Protein backbone atom coordinates (compact mmCIF):
# COMPACT_ATOMS: atom_id res chain seq x y z
CA MET A 1 -3.37 26.48 6.70
CA PRO A 2 -4.29 24.49 9.84
CA SER A 3 -2.53 22.18 11.34
CA VAL A 4 -3.85 18.67 13.01
CA SER A 5 -2.90 20.64 16.74
CA ASP A 6 -4.68 23.64 15.70
CA THR A 7 -8.15 23.66 17.52
CA THR A 8 -9.27 27.37 17.67
CA LEU A 9 -12.72 27.37 17.67
CA THR A 10 -14.06 30.68 16.01
CA SER A 11 -17.11 31.09 15.38
CA PRO A 12 -20.75 29.02 17.56
CA ARG A 13 -20.61 26.97 13.62
CA GLN A 14 -17.20 26.03 14.56
CA GLN A 15 -17.75 24.29 17.42
CA ARG A 16 -20.52 21.82 16.21
CA LYS A 17 -18.04 20.80 13.29
CA ARG A 18 -15.73 18.69 14.28
CA ILE A 19 -12.54 17.30 12.25
CA ILE A 20 -10.68 13.53 13.37
CA MET A 21 -7.59 12.74 11.99
CA ALA A 22 -5.97 8.91 12.92
CA GLU A 23 -2.96 8.28 13.70
CA PRO A 24 -0.97 6.32 12.44
CA ARG A 25 -1.56 7.54 8.82
CA GLY A 26 0.22 8.35 5.13
CA PHE A 27 3.30 6.56 3.86
CA CYS A 28 5.07 3.93 5.68
CA ALA A 29 8.47 2.37 5.66
CA GLY A 30 8.03 0.78 2.98
CA VAL A 31 6.68 3.54 0.35
CA ASP A 32 9.52 6.04 2.33
CA ARG A 33 12.23 3.79 1.18
CA ALA A 34 11.21 3.58 -2.06
CA ILE A 35 10.28 7.40 -3.19
CA GLY A 36 13.64 8.14 -1.42
CA MET A 37 15.51 5.94 -3.53
CA VAL A 38 14.37 6.90 -6.80
CA GLU A 39 15.54 10.55 -5.46
CA LYS A 40 19.16 9.11 -4.57
CA ALA A 41 19.04 7.34 -7.71
CA LEU A 42 18.79 11.05 -10.06
CA GLU A 43 20.92 12.59 -7.63
CA LEU A 44 23.48 9.51 -8.32
CA TYR A 45 22.99 8.32 -11.88
CA GLY A 46 21.34 11.81 -13.00
CA ALA A 47 18.05 12.21 -15.35
CA PRO A 48 16.20 10.12 -16.28
CA VAL A 49 16.59 7.47 -14.39
CA TYR A 50 13.13 4.92 -15.32
CA VAL A 51 11.05 2.89 -13.23
CA ARG A 52 8.69 0.45 -13.97
CA LYS A 53 5.40 1.24 -13.02
CA GLN A 54 4.09 3.32 -10.34
CA ILE A 55 6.62 3.35 -7.81
CA VAL A 56 4.12 3.27 -5.31
CA HIS A 57 0.28 3.81 -6.00
CA ASN A 58 -0.23 7.80 -5.90
CA GLN A 59 -0.46 10.02 -8.96
CA HIS A 60 0.98 12.99 -6.95
CA VAL A 61 3.71 11.52 -6.24
CA VAL A 62 4.71 10.22 -9.93
CA ASN A 63 4.35 13.40 -10.55
CA GLU A 64 6.56 14.83 -8.47
CA LEU A 65 9.44 12.70 -9.53
CA GLU A 66 8.61 12.70 -12.73
CA LYS A 67 9.97 16.72 -12.42
CA LEU A 68 12.79 15.63 -10.76
CA GLY A 69 13.52 13.23 -14.44
CA ALA A 70 12.35 10.12 -13.42
CA ARG A 71 10.45 8.64 -16.49
CA PHE A 72 7.84 5.70 -15.50
CA VAL A 73 7.09 2.98 -18.14
CA ASP A 74 4.76 -0.13 -17.80
CA SER A 75 7.33 -2.74 -19.13
CA GLU A 76 10.91 -2.88 -18.68
CA ASP A 77 11.18 -3.36 -22.32
CA GLU A 78 10.21 -0.08 -22.42
CA VAL A 79 13.80 0.96 -20.86
CA PRO A 80 16.26 1.53 -23.40
CA GLU A 81 19.34 -1.40 -22.83
CA GLY A 82 21.99 -0.39 -20.38
CA SER A 83 19.61 2.35 -18.31
CA ILE A 84 18.85 2.31 -14.81
CA CYS A 85 15.60 1.06 -14.26
CA VAL A 86 13.90 1.20 -10.83
CA PHE A 87 11.61 -1.80 -9.87
CA SER A 88 8.80 -0.12 -7.37
CA ALA A 89 7.74 -1.43 -4.10
CA HIS A 90 5.35 -4.15 -5.37
CA GLY A 91 7.76 -6.44 -6.36
CA VAL A 92 8.35 -8.35 -9.58
CA SER A 93 8.13 -12.11 -10.47
CA PRO A 94 11.56 -13.73 -11.91
CA ALA A 95 10.40 -13.22 -15.58
CA VAL A 96 10.67 -9.83 -15.26
CA ARG A 97 14.48 -10.04 -13.57
CA GLY A 98 15.54 -12.43 -16.07
CA ASN A 99 14.11 -9.51 -19.22
CA ALA A 100 15.57 -6.48 -17.23
CA ALA A 101 18.67 -8.59 -16.88
CA SER A 102 18.81 -10.29 -20.75
CA ARG A 103 19.06 -6.07 -22.04
CA GLU A 104 21.64 -5.30 -19.65
CA LEU A 105 19.61 -2.79 -17.60
CA LYS A 106 21.04 -1.28 -14.10
CA VAL A 107 18.42 -2.90 -12.22
CA ILE A 108 17.51 -0.65 -8.53
CA ASP A 109 14.92 -2.79 -6.64
CA ALA A 110 12.80 -0.96 -4.62
CA THR A 111 10.66 -4.30 -3.68
CA CYS A 112 8.96 -3.63 0.34
CA PRO A 113 10.99 -5.82 2.58
CA LEU A 114 7.82 -7.19 3.82
CA VAL A 115 6.37 -7.99 -0.11
CA ALA A 116 9.79 -9.89 -0.85
CA LYS A 117 9.13 -11.63 2.48
CA VAL A 118 6.26 -13.28 1.00
CA HIS A 119 7.93 -14.04 -2.47
CA GLN A 120 10.55 -15.98 -0.67
CA GLU A 121 7.95 -17.71 1.58
CA ALA A 122 6.44 -18.43 -1.94
CA ARG A 123 10.20 -19.71 -3.23
CA ARG A 124 9.72 -22.38 -0.51
CA SER A 125 7.02 -23.50 -0.33
CA SER A 126 6.96 -24.50 -3.74
CA ASP A 127 10.36 -26.02 -3.24
CA ALA A 128 8.54 -28.37 -0.67
CA GLY A 129 6.33 -29.54 -3.27
CA LYS A 130 3.40 -27.56 -1.72
CA THR A 131 0.46 -25.95 -4.19
CA ILE A 132 0.40 -22.13 -2.43
CA LEU A 133 -3.43 -21.07 -2.21
CA LEU A 134 -2.29 -16.41 -2.77
CA ILE A 135 -4.96 -14.71 -1.30
CA GLY A 136 -5.19 -11.21 -2.97
CA HIS A 137 -6.40 -9.58 -6.12
CA SER A 138 -5.21 -10.96 -9.03
CA ASP A 139 -5.14 -7.82 -11.12
CA HIS A 140 -2.78 -6.73 -8.37
CA GLU A 141 0.99 -6.24 -8.83
CA GLU A 142 2.23 -7.10 -5.75
CA VAL A 143 0.38 -10.67 -6.39
CA GLU A 144 1.35 -10.81 -10.11
CA GLY A 145 5.00 -10.48 -8.83
CA THR A 146 3.79 -13.23 -5.80
CA VAL A 147 2.25 -15.59 -8.53
CA GLY A 148 5.85 -15.28 -10.79
CA GLU A 149 7.68 -16.89 -8.23
CA ALA A 150 6.11 -20.29 -8.84
CA PRO A 151 3.65 -19.59 -11.08
CA GLN A 152 2.78 -23.39 -12.05
CA ASP A 153 2.09 -24.02 -8.01
CA THR A 154 -0.08 -20.75 -7.25
CA ILE A 155 -4.07 -19.76 -7.40
CA VAL A 156 -5.24 -16.60 -6.65
CA VAL A 157 -8.08 -16.91 -4.27
CA GLU A 158 -10.01 -13.96 -4.03
CA SER A 159 -12.45 -14.67 -1.32
CA VAL A 160 -14.68 -16.70 0.64
CA GLU A 161 -16.18 -17.73 -2.63
CA ASP A 162 -13.53 -18.93 -4.30
CA ALA A 163 -11.97 -20.53 -1.51
CA GLN A 164 -15.56 -22.65 -1.23
CA ARG A 165 -15.00 -23.89 -5.14
CA LEU A 166 -11.79 -24.99 -4.49
CA GLU A 167 -11.33 -29.09 -4.86
CA PHE A 168 -7.85 -31.07 -4.21
CA ASP A 169 -6.64 -34.96 -4.42
CA PRO A 170 -6.77 -36.68 -1.49
CA GLY A 171 -2.35 -36.36 -0.27
CA VAL A 172 -1.78 -32.67 -2.08
CA GLU A 173 0.00 -30.00 0.07
CA LEU A 174 -1.37 -26.89 0.44
CA SER A 175 0.13 -23.40 1.91
CA TYR A 176 -1.50 -20.29 2.25
CA LEU A 177 0.10 -16.56 1.79
CA THR A 178 -1.61 -13.09 1.24
CA GLN A 179 -1.35 -9.80 -0.23
CA THR A 180 0.35 -7.73 2.21
CA THR A 181 -2.61 -4.56 1.48
CA LEU A 182 -5.59 -6.42 2.31
CA SER A 183 -8.11 -5.88 4.55
CA LEU A 184 -7.69 -7.85 7.74
CA ASP A 185 -11.28 -8.56 8.11
CA GLU A 186 -12.16 -9.92 4.71
CA THR A 187 -8.56 -12.06 5.16
CA LYS A 188 -9.55 -13.61 8.10
CA ASP A 189 -12.59 -15.27 6.54
CA ILE A 190 -10.97 -16.43 3.71
CA ILE A 191 -8.50 -17.87 6.07
CA GLY A 192 -10.84 -19.78 7.98
CA GLU A 193 -12.99 -20.85 5.28
CA LEU A 194 -8.97 -22.51 4.17
CA THR A 195 -8.45 -23.77 7.47
CA ARG A 196 -12.04 -25.68 7.93
CA ARG A 197 -11.93 -27.16 4.14
CA PHE A 198 -8.48 -28.19 4.50
CA PRO A 199 -7.46 -28.60 8.29
CA HIS A 200 -3.90 -29.83 7.17
CA ILE A 201 -2.76 -26.49 5.21
CA LYS A 202 0.16 -24.38 6.69
CA GLY A 203 0.31 -20.73 6.63
CA PRO A 204 3.15 -18.23 6.94
CA GLY A 205 5.62 -18.20 9.87
CA SER A 206 4.16 -14.61 10.47
CA ASP A 207 1.37 -12.55 9.16
CA ASP A 208 1.79 -11.32 5.71
CA ILE A 209 -0.46 -8.68 5.65
CA CYS A 210 2.14 -5.41 6.41
CA TYR A 211 2.28 -3.49 9.89
CA ALA A 212 1.20 -0.65 8.08
CA SER A 213 -2.00 -1.48 6.30
CA GLN A 214 -3.23 -3.21 10.15
CA ASN A 215 -2.58 0.05 12.03
CA ARG A 216 -4.21 2.33 9.36
CA GLN A 217 -6.95 0.16 10.01
CA ASN A 218 -7.36 0.04 13.46
CA ALA A 219 -7.44 3.79 13.51
CA VAL A 220 -10.16 3.45 11.02
CA LYS A 221 -11.84 1.72 12.92
CA ASP A 222 -11.16 3.65 16.44
CA ILE A 223 -12.72 7.08 14.18
CA ALA A 224 -15.10 5.28 12.67
CA ALA A 225 -16.95 4.88 15.97
CA GLN A 226 -16.41 8.69 16.81
CA THR A 227 -17.30 10.10 13.17
CA ASP A 228 -20.36 10.25 11.04
CA LEU A 229 -18.17 10.67 7.89
CA VAL A 230 -14.61 9.31 6.93
CA LEU A 231 -12.22 10.51 4.98
CA VAL A 232 -9.52 8.68 3.59
CA VAL A 233 -6.92 10.37 1.16
CA GLY A 234 -5.20 8.16 -1.28
CA SER A 235 -5.57 6.85 -4.83
CA ASP A 236 -8.08 4.53 -6.84
CA ASN A 237 -5.72 2.11 -7.58
CA SER A 238 -4.13 2.15 -3.95
CA SER A 239 -5.20 -1.32 -2.28
CA ASN A 240 -4.35 -0.65 0.94
CA SER A 241 -6.50 2.49 0.63
CA VAL A 242 -9.54 1.08 -0.86
CA ARG A 243 -9.16 -1.34 2.20
CA MET A 244 -9.28 1.68 4.24
CA VAL A 245 -12.97 2.57 3.37
CA GLU A 246 -14.03 -0.93 3.03
CA VAL A 247 -13.52 -1.40 7.01
CA ALA A 248 -15.33 1.89 7.91
CA ILE A 249 -18.17 1.55 6.02
CA ARG A 250 -18.34 -2.10 7.80
CA GLN A 251 -18.13 -0.32 10.95
CA GLY A 252 -21.49 1.30 9.84
CA THR A 253 -19.91 4.81 9.38
CA GLN A 254 -20.42 6.16 5.97
CA SER A 255 -16.68 6.59 3.74
CA TYR A 256 -15.07 7.98 0.76
CA LEU A 257 -11.84 7.97 -1.17
CA VAL A 258 -10.88 11.27 -1.91
CA ASN A 259 -7.48 11.57 -4.33
CA ASP A 260 -6.82 15.34 -3.65
CA VAL A 261 -9.32 17.99 -2.12
CA SER A 262 -10.43 18.73 -5.97
CA LYS A 263 -12.73 15.41 -5.51
CA LEU A 264 -14.35 15.86 -2.58
CA ASP A 265 -18.37 16.05 -2.95
CA GLU A 266 -19.10 18.54 -0.34
CA ARG A 267 -22.84 17.06 -0.62
CA TRP A 268 -20.88 14.46 1.55
CA LEU A 269 -21.36 16.57 4.26
CA ASP A 270 -25.00 17.39 4.91
CA GLY A 271 -25.88 16.85 8.09
CA VAL A 272 -22.39 15.35 8.99
CA ASP A 273 -21.23 17.11 11.97
CA THR A 274 -17.83 15.35 12.71
CA VAL A 275 -15.73 13.76 9.92
CA GLY A 276 -12.92 11.47 10.06
CA VAL A 277 -9.62 11.89 7.82
CA THR A 278 -7.39 9.58 7.46
CA SER A 279 -4.73 8.48 4.61
CA GLY A 280 -3.46 5.86 2.99
CA ALA A 281 0.18 4.44 2.84
CA SER A 282 0.96 5.52 -0.48
CA ALA A 283 -0.48 9.56 0.21
CA PRO A 284 1.89 12.33 0.76
CA GLU A 285 0.72 14.27 3.91
CA VAL A 286 0.53 17.52 2.32
CA LEU A 287 -3.17 16.27 0.53
CA VAL A 288 -4.37 15.51 3.86
CA GLN A 289 -3.55 19.06 5.21
CA GLU A 290 -4.78 20.62 1.54
CA LEU A 291 -8.14 18.43 2.57
CA VAL A 292 -8.20 19.88 6.19
CA ALA A 293 -7.53 23.34 5.01
CA ARG A 294 -11.11 22.73 2.97
CA LEU A 295 -12.80 21.23 5.60
CA THR A 296 -12.11 24.35 8.04
CA GLU A 297 -12.73 26.88 5.34
CA LEU A 298 -16.36 24.86 5.55
CA GLY A 299 -16.82 25.31 8.97
CA TYR A 300 -14.95 22.25 10.73
CA GLY A 301 -13.11 24.30 12.79
CA ASP A 302 -12.30 22.12 16.05
CA ILE A 303 -9.65 19.50 15.09
CA ASP A 304 -8.39 16.73 17.08
CA SER A 305 -6.31 13.86 16.37
CA VAL A 306 -6.70 10.12 18.24
CA THR A 307 -3.49 7.80 17.68
CA THR A 308 -3.80 4.14 18.16
CA THR A 309 -0.90 3.19 17.94
CA THR A 310 3.14 4.56 17.45
CA GLU A 311 5.49 3.86 14.40
CA ASP A 312 8.97 3.61 14.13
CA ILE A 313 9.86 0.59 12.01
CA VAL A 314 11.96 2.26 9.27
CA PHE A 315 13.91 0.33 6.18
CA SER A 316 17.26 1.50 5.05
CA ILE A 317 18.20 1.85 1.51
CA PRO A 318 20.45 -0.41 0.24
CA GLY A 319 23.91 -0.29 -0.55
CA SER A 320 23.13 -1.98 -3.98
CA LEU A 321 21.59 1.26 -5.10
CA PHE A 322 25.26 2.74 -5.06
CA GLN A 323 26.68 -0.54 -7.37
CA HIS A 324 26.71 0.89 -10.65
CA THR A 325 28.17 3.83 -9.92
CA GLY A 326 31.80 1.99 -9.47
CA GLN A 327 31.96 3.27 -6.11
CA PRO A 328 31.48 1.61 -2.33
CA ARG A 329 28.46 3.08 -0.62
CA PRO A 330 29.33 6.10 1.30
CA GLU A 331 29.45 6.01 4.97
C-alpha cells in the first residue's frame, strides 16, 4: 500500500494524474481521547463495557471496539443496572446523567473537553437569566446534550432564515453558542444575522467551533483550490465530515463523502486529473490509505501532501476513568 510520501511515477499516465493529501486530517484530540477511554475501560473492567451512542461518529471505529467487547446502546436504559457505561464524545444532558445515577451505572464520561466547554457556557448563560440561541443542527447528539443544560432557555438556530424569524420582547437578554463541528462560513453568516438583528447579544468568551473542525476546513479550502475533485473520508452521520464536503463545494470544486473505499464511485473520476483526499475528525487513517491505494491502482500515482497547520493538542484521559476500580490512578 502506498504511503503519503510515495511519489514514485511508473507510467506517463500516472504523471498526468495526482493525489493531493490534506494535512491535518483524521482523528482529533477529542476522538483519540474518547476511543482510548473505551479501550482502557475494557482493559480495566473487562467486557462488556456499554457505550451510550456511537463513541464517535464512525462505523469502522464502532466495529473495531465491538470486537474488543464494547456494546453500543441507544439509551442508558438499555445498560444493565450497576454496569459500566461510557458517555460518548458528543456529551449528554443532565437528565441522562440523572437517569444513569438512578440506575447506579458506573459512568465513564468521554465527552470532548471542547463540548464540555459549551455545556458550561450554556449553564452560565442560563444562570444569568439569558435566552440562549444555540447555532447547530437540532437532531445532532451534541446539540441535544447542550440544549439539555437549559431546555427552557434555549432555542436552536439552524440557518440564517431561522435567525431572521426570531422575535423577542424588549429587554430580553440574549446569548449565542455554537455546535463545535459546524462550517465556519455558515456559522459566520448566522452570527452576522443575529448580531445585526440583536446588537446586544453576547457570544462565548472564545470561539466554540473546535480547532480540529477549523483546521480541517481550512485544509479542504487549500486542496480544493488545487484539485478537480475532493474526496472526504468519513461517515454520513459525522457532522464535521459533511461540513468539509460542503466547504469544498462552496470553493467551486466537486466533492463527495466516502465512508470507505467500497463507496468510491469511479465515475466521479471521469475527466479528473487531480484528486484531493482528506478525512473527518472521527475517520481512521487506515480508511484513507485504503482509498489512496485504490486511486493509485486507477492511475493516480503521484502523491503529494499539503500542510496548512500542525496540530499538537492532546487531551489526557481523566483520572475518573479509574474510579470504579477502587484503586488510585497509576502514575
